[in-house]
Amino acid sequence: MYPYQVKPGQKIKLADIDPDDHKRFEGSKKEGRKLVSEQNRELEPLQEVLYAEQKHKVLVVLQGMDTSGKDGTIRHVFEGVNPQGVKVASFKVPTSEELNHDYLWRVHKQVPGKGEIVIFNRSQYEDVLIVRVHNLVSERIWSKRYAQINNFERLLAEEGTIILKFFLHIDIEEQKQRLQARLDDPSKHWKFNVGDLKERALWDQYVEAYEDVLSLTSTKWAPWYIVPANRKWYRDLVISEILIDTLKGLKMNYPENLDDLSKVVIV
């Protein structure tokens, strides 16, 4: 089992997990960033052969509190990969059409096909997080969804999808600093949403909701990783390492060309 992986059935208390931990790499921030760049170069050919082989499907789920770094993870971890085989799906407030279907309908449409890596920036878990915290549906409804999501992910896994779920773990003080940085820098004002302050006031409720998500939905076929994310470079390093190790484990190969190319002459 990889460090930071949540065991199936493990009861999680986020207060017991250090968001500032960086035991996987004791070097400096500069050295860590250099290593992330090296991992980018290692990921690029792995993603290329995944796309060429057209056998495997990879789903990466990113969840975390506001400012935990979902967008930054996508930029830094997947820098340099071929956009032809990597997609990002973001799940905002459901549209009227989406609300007319079951809550997994819009999610299922976005899962990866063969050869693809799809990154969920937020995901199906919003329907047991924000829905729960804001009482958008009753507990009788959202409490059933843990098992439904587990079964949905089991279906994807049995159909050949590799699922990696990352909870980007920051503390409330780090969130304060990141929000303040957005407020202080005019070039980052576009990132600042006054509504984020209302969500921040519900920090404890979100912690409780996330603890249930992590405790109830980390499975053999779709594990959760609680990634210390106070240090952005370390967050990227951990996620890159897990993703690279996973792709290497697939033992992928470029497909053979069935034509006899030995006699081909280009004039």
C-alpha atoms as a PDB file:
ATOM      1  CA  MET A   1       0.000   0.000   0.000  1.00  0.00           C
ATOM      2  CA  TYR A   2       1.278   3.432  -0.990  1.00  0.00           C
ATOM      3  CA  PRO A   3       1.895   6.055   1.716  1.00  0.00           C
ATOM      4  CA  TYR A   4      -1.145   8.289   2.264  1.00  0.00           C
ATOM      5  CA  GLN A   5      -3.512   5.629   0.899  1.00  0.00           C
ATOM      6  CA  VAL A   6      -6.675   5.115   2.932  1.00  0.00           C
ATOM      7  CA  LYS A   7      -7.337   1.474   3.741  1.00  0.00           C
ATOM      8  CA  PRO A   8     -10.852   0.192   2.989  1.00  0.00           C
ATOM      9  CA  GLY A   9     -12.929   0.649   6.124  1.00  0.00           C
ATOM     10  CA  GLN A  10     -10.331   2.852   7.845  1.00  0.00           C
ATOM     11  CA  LYS A  11     -11.883   5.519  10.071  1.00  0.00           C
ATOM     12  CA  ILE A  12     -10.382   8.886   9.174  1.00  0.00           C
ATOM     13  CA  LYS A  13      -9.886  11.881  11.463  1.00  0.00           C
ATOM     14  CA  LEU A  14      -8.322  14.679   9.465  1.00  0.00           C
ATOM     15  CA  ALA A  15      -7.094  16.407  12.617  1.00  0.00           C
ATOM     16  CA  ASP A  16      -4.705  13.476  13.093  1.00  0.00           C
ATOM     17  CA  ILE A  17      -3.137  13.906   9.642  1.00  0.00           C
ATOM     18  CA  ASP A  18      -0.510  16.612   9.134  1.00  0.00           C
ATOM     19  CA  PRO A  19      -1.202  18.708   6.009  1.00  0.00           C
ATOM     20  CA  ASP A  20       2.341  20.057   6.255  1.00  0.00           C
ATOM     21  CA  ASP A  21       3.953  16.608   6.165  1.00  0.00           C
ATOM     22  CA  HIS A  22       6.699  16.112   3.563  1.00  0.00           C
ATOM     23  CA  LYS A  23       8.368  12.898   4.668  1.00  0.00           C
ATOM     24  CA  ARG A  24       8.537  11.496   1.141  1.00  0.00           C
ATOM     25  CA  PHE A  25      11.075  14.170   0.239  1.00  0.00           C
ATOM     26  CA  GLU A  26      13.186  16.047   2.760  1.00  0.00           C
ATOM     27  CA  GLY A  27      14.835  18.376   0.254  1.00  0.00           C
ATOM     28  CA  SER A  28      14.166  22.067  -0.316  1.00  0.00           C
ATOM     29  CA  LYS A  29      11.256  23.577  -2.231  1.00  0.00           C
ATOM     30  CA  LYS A  30      13.608  24.301  -5.142  1.00  0.00           C
ATOM     31  CA  GLU A  31      14.824  20.699  -5.205  1.00  0.00           C
ATOM     32  CA  GLY A  32      11.254  19.459  -4.940  1.00  0.00           C
ATOM     33  CA  ARG A  33      10.149  21.566  -7.897  1.00  0.00           C
ATOM     34  CA  LYS A  34      13.083  20.243  -9.911  1.00  0.00           C
ATOM     35  CA  LEU A  35      12.007  16.691  -9.129  1.00  0.00           C
ATOM     36  CA  VAL A  36       8.435  17.464 -10.193  1.00  0.00           C
ATOM     37  CA  SER A  37       9.807  18.711 -13.538  1.00  0.00           C
ATOM     38  CA  GLU A  38      11.716  15.445 -13.914  1.00  0.00           C
ATOM     39  CA  GLN A  39       8.520  13.555 -13.184  1.00  0.00           C
ATOM     40  CA  ASN A  40       6.730  15.589 -15.874  1.00  0.00           C
ATOM     41  CA  ARG A  41       9.266  14.327 -18.392  1.00  0.00           C
ATOM     42  CA  GLU A  42       8.762  10.774 -17.151  1.00  0.00           C
ATOM     43  CA  LEU A  43       4.975  11.033 -17.319  1.00  0.00           C
ATOM     44  CA  GLU A  44       4.884  12.348 -20.883  1.00  0.00           C
ATOM     45  CA  PRO A  45       6.003   9.131 -22.678  1.00  0.00           C
ATOM     46  CA  LEU A  46       3.870   6.985 -20.341  1.00  0.00           C
ATOM     47  CA  GLN A  47       0.802   8.987 -21.276  1.00  0.00           C
ATOM     48  CA  GLU A  48       1.757   8.731 -24.952  1.00  0.00           C
ATOM     49  CA  VAL A  49       1.969   4.942 -24.902  1.00  0.00           C
ATOM     50  CA  LEU A  50      -1.294   4.786 -22.921  1.00  0.00           C
ATOM     51  CA  TYR A  51      -2.952   6.760 -25.714  1.00  0.00           C
ATOM     52  CA  ALA A  52      -1.296   4.717 -28.471  1.00  0.00           C
ATOM     53  CA  GLU A  53      -2.034   1.319 -26.948  1.00  0.00           C
ATOM     54  CA  GLN A  54      -5.747   2.083 -26.459  1.00  0.00           C
ATOM     55  CA  LYS A  55      -6.217  -0.592 -23.789  1.00  0.00           C
ATOM     56  CA  HIS A  56      -6.433   1.194 -20.451  1.00  0.00           C
ATOM     57  CA  LYS A  57      -8.522   4.027 -19.026  1.00  0.00           C
ATOM     58  CA  VAL A  58      -7.381   6.241 -16.137  1.00  0.00           C
ATOM     59  CA  LEU A  59      -9.617   8.424 -13.978  1.00  0.00           C
ATOM     60  CA  VAL A  60      -8.002  10.903 -11.591  1.00  0.00           C
ATOM     61  CA  VAL A  61     -10.345  12.469  -9.020  1.00  0.00           C
ATOM     62  CA  LEU A  62      -9.279  15.679  -7.247  1.00  0.00           C
ATOM     63  CA  GLN A  63     -11.181  16.868  -4.197  1.00  0.00           C
ATOM     64  CA  GLY A  64     -10.361  19.320  -1.448  1.00  0.00           C
ATOM     65  CA  MET A  65     -11.388  22.459   0.367  1.00  0.00           C
ATOM     66  CA  ASP A  66     -11.444  25.758  -1.522  1.00  0.00           C
ATOM     67  CA  THR A  67      -7.860  26.837  -2.406  1.00  0.00           C
ATOM     68  CA  SER A  68      -6.497  23.323  -1.772  1.00  0.00           C
ATOM     69  CA  GLY A  69      -4.909  23.392  -5.224  1.00  0.00           C
ATOM     70  CA  LYS A  70      -6.981  21.358  -7.657  1.00  0.00           C
ATOM     71  CA  ASP A  71      -6.283  23.717 -10.569  1.00  0.00           C
ATOM     72  CA  GLY A  72      -2.603  24.000  -9.620  1.00  0.00           C
ATOM     73  CA  THR A  73      -2.262  20.226  -9.470  1.00  0.00           C
ATOM     74  CA  ILE A  74      -3.636  19.912 -12.983  1.00  0.00           C
ATOM     75  CA  ARG A  75      -1.263  22.595 -14.306  1.00  0.00           C
ATOM     76  CA  HIS A  76       1.885  21.275 -12.656  1.00  0.00           C
ATOM     77  CA  VAL A  77       1.430  17.488 -12.635  1.00  0.00           C
ATOM     78  CA  PHE A  78       0.180  17.248 -16.202  1.00  0.00           C
ATOM     79  CA  GLU A  79       2.430  19.887 -17.730  1.00  0.00           C
ATOM     80  CA  GLY A  80       3.729  18.699 -21.093  1.00  0.00           C
ATOM     81  CA  VAL A  81       1.357  15.772 -21.657  1.00  0.00           C
ATOM     82  CA  ASN A  82      -0.427  15.453 -24.976  1.00  0.00           C
ATOM     83  CA  PRO A  83      -3.813  17.206 -24.614  1.00  0.00           C
ATOM     84  CA  GLN A  84      -5.185  14.813 -27.232  1.00  0.00           C
ATOM     85  CA  GLY A  85      -5.260  12.048 -24.627  1.00  0.00           C
ATOM     86  CA  VAL A  86      -5.902  14.034 -21.429  1.00  0.00           C
ATOM     87  CA  LYS A  87      -9.175  15.740 -20.537  1.00  0.00           C
ATOM     88  CA  VAL A  88     -10.369  17.752 -17.563  1.00  0.00           C
ATOM     89  CA  ALA A  89     -13.981  17.643 -16.400  1.00  0.00           C
ATOM     90  CA  SER A  90     -15.211  20.184 -13.865  1.00  0.00           C
ATOM     91  CA  PHE A  91     -18.481  19.797 -12.037  1.00  0.00           C
ATOM     92  CA  LYS A  92     -20.165  23.070 -11.182  1.00  0.00           C
ATOM     93  CA  VAL A  93     -23.721  23.752 -10.025  1.00  0.00           C
ATOM     94  CA  PRO A  94     -25.934  21.261 -11.911  1.00  0.00           C
ATOM     95  CA  THR A  95     -27.875  22.572 -14.896  1.00  0.00           C
ATOM     96  CA  SER A  96     -31.633  22.126 -15.142  1.00  0.00           C
ATOM     97  CA  GLU A  97     -31.069  19.233 -17.560  1.00  0.00           C
ATOM     98  CA  GLU A  98     -28.677  17.548 -15.151  1.00  0.00           C
ATOM     99  CA  LEU A  99     -31.115  17.984 -12.263  1.00  0.00           C
ATOM    100  CA  ASN A 100     -33.734  16.156 -14.311  1.00  0.00           C
ATOM    101  CA  HIS A 101     -31.551  13.015 -14.191  1.00  0.00           C
ATOM    102  CA  ASP A 102     -29.952  11.036 -11.397  1.00  0.00           C
ATOM    103  CA  TYR A 103     -26.910  12.732  -9.848  1.00  0.00           C
ATOM    104  CA  LEU A 104     -24.439  10.334 -11.512  1.00  0.00           C
ATOM    105  CA  TRP A 105     -25.781  10.940 -15.027  1.00  0.00           C
ATOM    106  CA  ARG A 106     -23.563  13.930 -15.728  1.00  0.00           C
ATOM    107  CA  VAL A 107     -20.573  12.162 -14.194  1.00  0.00           C
ATOM    108  CA  HIS A 108     -20.866   8.968 -16.222  1.00  0.00           C
ATOM    109  CA  LYS A 109     -20.757  10.960 -19.462  1.00  0.00           C
ATOM    110  CA  GLN A 110     -17.293  12.288 -18.566  1.00  0.00           C
ATOM    111  CA  VAL A 111     -15.452   9.082 -17.621  1.00  0.00           C
ATOM    112  CA  PRO A 112     -12.411   8.138 -19.748  1.00  0.00           C
ATOM    113  CA  GLY A 113     -12.468   6.026 -22.868  1.00  0.00           C
ATOM    114  CA  LYS A 114      -9.657   3.660 -23.838  1.00  0.00           C
ATOM    115  CA  GLY A 115      -6.311   5.416 -23.993  1.00  0.00           C
ATOM    116  CA  GLU A 116      -7.512   8.460 -22.060  1.00  0.00           C
ATOM    117  CA  ILE A 117      -6.651  10.085 -18.765  1.00  0.00           C
ATOM    118  CA  VAL A 118      -9.593  12.108 -17.450  1.00  0.00           C
ATOM    119  CA  ILE A 119      -9.152  14.415 -14.470  1.00  0.00           C
ATOM    120  CA  PHE A 120     -12.205  15.262 -12.397  1.00  0.00           C
ATOM    121  CA  ASN A 121     -11.877  18.722 -10.845  1.00  0.00           C
ATOM    122  CA  ARG A 122     -14.479  18.037  -8.174  1.00  0.00           C
ATOM    123  CA  SER A 123     -16.629  15.021  -8.887  1.00  0.00           C
ATOM    124  CA  GLN A 124     -19.545  12.808  -7.904  1.00  0.00           C
ATOM    125  CA  TYR A 125     -18.494  13.431  -4.314  1.00  0.00           C
ATOM    126  CA  GLU A 126     -20.019  16.905  -4.376  1.00  0.00           C
ATOM    127  CA  ASP A 127     -23.316  15.066  -3.928  1.00  0.00           C
ATOM    128  CA  VAL A 128     -22.264  13.911  -0.465  1.00  0.00           C
ATOM    129  CA  LEU A 129     -20.334  17.081   0.378  1.00  0.00           C
ATOM    130  CA  ILE A 130     -21.874  20.424  -0.580  1.00  0.00           C
ATOM    131  CA  VAL A 131     -25.294  18.783  -0.830  1.00  0.00           C
ATOM    132  CA  ARG A 132     -24.910  17.519   2.723  1.00  0.00           C
ATOM    133  CA  VAL A 133     -23.378  20.650   4.251  1.00  0.00           C
ATOM    134  CA  HIS A 134     -26.008  22.936   2.733  1.00  0.00           C
ATOM    135  CA  ASN A 135     -28.929  20.556   3.373  1.00  0.00           C
ATOM    136  CA  LEU A 136     -29.876  20.540  -0.310  1.00  0.00           C
ATOM    137  CA  VAL A 137     -31.351  17.070   0.104  1.00  0.00           C
ATOM    138  CA  SER A 138     -32.275  15.119   3.209  1.00  0.00           C
ATOM    139  CA  GLU A 139     -29.883  12.824   5.069  1.00  0.00           C
ATOM    140  CA  ARG A 140     -32.126   9.926   4.048  1.00  0.00           C
ATOM    141  CA  ILE A 141     -31.131  10.637   0.440  1.00  0.00           C
ATOM    142  CA  TRP A 142     -27.433  11.585   0.690  1.00  0.00           C
ATOM    143  CA  SER A 143     -26.614   8.809   3.146  1.00  0.00           C
ATOM    144  CA  LYS A 144     -27.473   6.215   0.486  1.00  0.00           C
ATOM    145  CA  ARG A 145     -25.040   7.739  -1.974  1.00  0.00           C
ATOM    146  CA  TYR A 146     -21.824   6.376  -0.446  1.00  0.00           C
ATOM    147  CA  ALA A 147     -22.816   2.843  -1.417  1.00  0.00           C
ATOM    148  CA  GLN A 148     -24.146   4.026  -4.778  1.00  0.00           C
ATOM    149  CA  ILE A 149     -20.867   5.769  -5.590  1.00  0.00           C
ATOM    150  CA  ASN A 150     -18.872   2.709  -4.507  1.00  0.00           C
ATOM    151  CA  ASN A 151     -20.960   0.564  -6.839  1.00  0.00           C
ATOM    152  CA  PHE A 152     -20.604   3.084  -9.669  1.00  0.00           C
ATOM    153  CA  GLU A 153     -16.827   3.073  -9.272  1.00  0.00           C
ATOM    154  CA  ARG A 154     -16.783  -0.718  -9.081  1.00  0.00           C
ATOM    155  CA  LEU A 155     -18.604  -0.797 -12.424  1.00  0.00           C
ATOM    156  CA  LEU A 156     -16.008   1.516 -13.958  1.00  0.00           C
ATOM    157  CA  ALA A 157     -13.147  -0.549 -12.520  1.00  0.00           C
ATOM    158  CA  GLU A 158     -14.618  -3.842 -13.736  1.00  0.00           C
ATOM    159  CA  GLU A 159     -14.918  -2.276 -17.187  1.00  0.00           C
ATOM    160  CA  GLY A 160     -11.185  -1.491 -17.140  1.00  0.00           C
ATOM    161  CA  THR A 161     -10.926   1.973 -15.600  1.00  0.00           C
ATOM    162  CA  ILE A 162      -8.092   2.628 -13.155  1.00  0.00           C
ATOM    163  CA  ILE A 163      -9.337   5.073 -10.521  1.00  0.00           C
ATOM    164  CA  LEU A 164      -7.058   7.254  -8.394  1.00  0.00           C
ATOM    165  CA  LYS A 165      -8.721   9.624  -5.928  1.00  0.00           C
ATOM    166  CA  PHE A 166      -6.759  12.406  -4.233  1.00  0.00           C
ATOM    167  CA  PHE A 167      -7.940  14.506  -1.310  1.00  0.00           C
ATOM    168  CA  LEU A 168      -5.761  17.628  -1.181  1.00  0.00           C
ATOM    169  CA  HIS A 169      -5.355  18.186   2.542  1.00  0.00           C
ATOM    170  CA  ILE A 170      -4.735  21.750   3.764  1.00  0.00           C
ATOM    171  CA  ASP A 171      -5.462  23.357   7.114  1.00  0.00           C
ATOM    172  CA  ILE A 172      -7.655  26.373   7.797  1.00  0.00           C
ATOM    173  CA  GLU A 173      -4.681  28.700   8.340  1.00  0.00           C
ATOM    174  CA  GLU A 174      -3.200  27.770   4.950  1.00  0.00           C
ATOM    175  CA  GLN A 175      -6.549  28.476   3.332  1.00  0.00           C
ATOM    176  CA  LYS A 176      -6.601  31.906   5.003  1.00  0.00           C
ATOM    177  CA  GLN A 177      -3.166  32.725   3.595  1.00  0.00           C
ATOM    178  CA  ARG A 178      -4.133  31.614   0.092  1.00  0.00           C
ATOM    179  CA  LEU A 179      -7.365  33.608   0.121  1.00  0.00           C
ATOM    180  CA  GLN A 180      -5.472  36.658   1.382  1.00  0.00           C
ATOM    181  CA  ALA A 181      -2.891  36.254  -1.381  1.00  0.00           C
ATOM    182  CA  ARG A 182      -5.688  36.351  -3.944  1.00  0.00           C
ATOM    183  CA  LEU A 183      -7.119  39.454  -2.331  1.00  0.00           C
ATOM    184  CA  ASP A 184      -3.759  41.246  -2.188  1.00  0.00           C
ATOM    185  CA  ASP A 185      -2.786  40.582  -5.813  1.00  0.00           C
ATOM    186  CA  PRO A 186      -4.956  42.328  -8.445  1.00  0.00           C
ATOM    187  CA  SER A 187      -3.900  39.754 -11.029  1.00  0.00           C
ATOM    188  CA  LYS A 188      -5.526  37.072  -8.854  1.00  0.00           C
ATOM    189  CA  HIS A 189      -8.770  38.894  -8.128  1.00  0.00           C
ATOM    190  CA  TRP A 190     -10.496  36.815 -10.778  1.00  0.00           C
ATOM    191  CA  LYS A 191      -9.878  33.793  -8.543  1.00  0.00           C
ATOM    192  CA  PHE A 192     -11.466  35.405  -5.502  1.00  0.00           C
ATOM    193  CA  ASN A 193     -15.113  34.672  -4.861  1.00  0.00           C
ATOM    194  CA  VAL A 194     -16.822  36.336  -1.904  1.00  0.00           C
ATOM    195  CA  GLY A 195     -18.910  33.172  -1.637  1.00  0.00           C
ATOM    196  CA  ASP A 196     -15.738  31.304  -0.649  1.00  0.00           C
ATOM    197  CA  LEU A 197     -15.848  33.143   2.685  1.00  0.00           C
ATOM    198  CA  LYS A 198     -19.291  31.710   3.397  1.00  0.00           C
ATOM    199  CA  GLU A 199     -17.958  28.248   2.608  1.00  0.00           C
ATOM    200  CA  ARG A 200     -14.954  28.892   4.853  1.00  0.00           C
ATOM    201  CA  ALA A 201     -17.329  29.563   7.748  1.00  0.00           C
ATOM    202  CA  LEU A 202     -18.567  25.988   7.275  1.00  0.00           C
ATOM    203  CA  TRP A 203     -15.070  24.488   7.564  1.00  0.00           C
ATOM    204  CA  ASP A 204     -15.936  22.127  10.416  1.00  0.00           C
ATOM    205  CA  GLN A 205     -19.010  20.805   8.633  1.00  0.00           C
ATOM    206  CA  TYR A 206     -16.954  20.136   5.506  1.00  0.00           C
ATOM    207  CA  VAL A 207     -14.285  18.362   7.554  1.00  0.00           C
ATOM    208  CA  GLU A 208     -16.938  16.069   8.999  1.00  0.00           C
ATOM    209  CA  ALA A 209     -18.380  15.398   5.537  1.00  0.00           C
ATOM    210  CA  TYR A 210     -14.949  14.685   4.046  1.00  0.00           C
ATOM    211  CA  GLU A 211     -14.075  12.335   6.880  1.00  0.00           C
ATOM    212  CA  ASP A 212     -17.133  10.249   6.055  1.00  0.00           C
ATOM    213  CA  VAL A 213     -16.275  10.290   2.343  1.00  0.00           C
ATOM    214  CA  LEU A 214     -12.724   9.113   2.990  1.00  0.00           C
ATOM    215  CA  SER A 215     -13.796   6.507   5.529  1.00  0.00           C
ATOM    216  CA  LEU A 216     -16.688   5.064   3.531  1.00  0.00           C
ATOM    217  CA  THR A 217     -15.548   5.223  -0.095  1.00  0.00           C
ATOM    218  CA  SER A 218     -11.891   4.173  -0.177  1.00  0.00           C
ATOM    219  CA  THR A 219     -12.014   0.742  -1.791  1.00  0.00           C
ATOM    220  CA  LYS A 220      -9.676  -1.764  -3.391  1.00  0.00           C
ATOM    221  CA  TRP A 221     -10.891  -0.706  -6.816  1.00  0.00           C
ATOM    222  CA  ALA A 222     -10.951   3.062  -6.154  1.00  0.00           C
ATOM    223  CA  PRO A 223      -8.602   4.075  -3.319  1.00  0.00           C
ATOM    224  CA  TRP A 224      -8.378   7.486  -1.736  1.00  0.00           C
ATOM    225  CA  TYR A 225      -5.033   9.158  -1.044  1.00  0.00           C
ATOM    226  CA  ILE A 226      -4.891  11.936   1.545  1.00  0.00           C
ATOM    227  CA  VAL A 227      -2.166  14.164   0.110  1.00  0.00           C
ATOM    228  CA  PRO A 228      -0.531  16.750   2.408  1.00  0.00           C
ATOM    229  CA  ALA A 229      -1.092  19.924   0.398  1.00  0.00           C
ATOM    230  CA  ASN A 230       0.088  22.862   2.494  1.00  0.00           C
ATOM    231  CA  ARG A 231       3.281  22.692   0.435  1.00  0.00           C
ATOM    232  CA  LYS A 232       2.203  22.915  -3.201  1.00  0.00           C
ATOM    233  CA  TRP A 233       5.387  21.402  -4.595  1.00  0.00           C
ATOM    234  CA  TYR A 234       5.072  18.407  -2.272  1.00  0.00           C
ATOM    235  CA  ARG A 235       1.453  17.885  -3.258  1.00  0.00           C
ATOM    236  CA  ASP A 236       2.507  17.751  -6.914  1.00  0.00           C
ATOM    237  CA  LEU A 237       5.415  15.453  -6.176  1.00  0.00           C
ATOM    238  CA  VAL A 238       3.266  12.890  -4.334  1.00  0.00           C
ATOM    239  CA  ILE A 239       0.525  12.815  -6.953  1.00  0.00           C
ATOM    240  CA  SER A 240       3.018  12.584  -9.821  1.00  0.00           C
ATOM    241  CA  GLU A 241       4.794   9.682  -8.144  1.00  0.00           C
ATOM    242  CA  ILE A 242       1.582   7.711  -7.586  1.00  0.00           C
ATOM    243  CA  LEU A 243       0.391   8.343 -11.145  1.00  0.00           C
ATOM    244  CA  ILE A 244       3.740   7.362 -12.695  1.00  0.00           C
ATOM    245  CA  ASP A 245       3.992   4.203 -10.584  1.00  0.00           C
ATOM    246  CA  THR A 246       0.446   3.268 -11.583  1.00  0.00           C
ATOM    247  CA  LEU A 247       1.108   3.730 -15.303  1.00  0.00           C
ATOM    248  CA  LYS A 248       4.375   1.807 -15.115  1.00  0.00           C
ATOM    249  CA  GLY A 249       2.504  -1.038 -13.471  1.00  0.00           C
ATOM    250  CA  LEU A 250       0.322  -1.434 -16.562  1.00  0.00           C
ATOM    251  CA  LYS A 251       3.313  -2.804 -18.547  1.00  0.00           C
ATOM    252  CA  MET A 252       2.177  -0.933 -21.644  1.00  0.00           C
ATOM    253  CA  ASN A 253       3.659  -1.256 -25.127  1.00  0.00           C
ATOM    254  CA  TYR A 254       3.237   0.592 -28.377  1.00  0.00           C
ATOM    255  CA  PRO A 255       1.018  -1.396 -30.754  1.00  0.00           C
ATOM    256  CA  GLU A 256       2.712  -3.151 -33.650  1.00  0.00           C
ATOM    257  CA  ASN A 257       2.058  -1.959 -37.162  1.00  0.00           C
ATOM    258  CA  LEU A 258       0.525  -4.880 -39.067  1.00  0.00           C
ATOM    259  CA  ASP A 259       1.946  -3.684 -42.380  1.00  0.00           C
ATOM    260  CA  ASP A 260       5.366  -4.825 -43.540  1.00  0.00           C
ATOM    261  CA  LEU A 261       7.310  -1.597 -43.274  1.00  0.00           C
ATOM    262  CA  SER A 262      10.669  -3.086 -44.253  1.00  0.00           C
ATOM    263  CA  LYS A 263       9.994  -2.466 -47.935  1.00  0.00           C
ATOM    264  CA  VAL A 264       8.425   0.946 -47.614  1.00  0.00           C
ATOM    265  CA  VAL A 265      10.314   3.627 -49.531  1.00  0.00           C
ATOM    266  CA  ILE A 266       9.425   7.269 -49.155  1.00  0.00           C
ATOM    267  CA  VAL A 267      10.192   9.231 -52.283  1.00  0.00           C
END
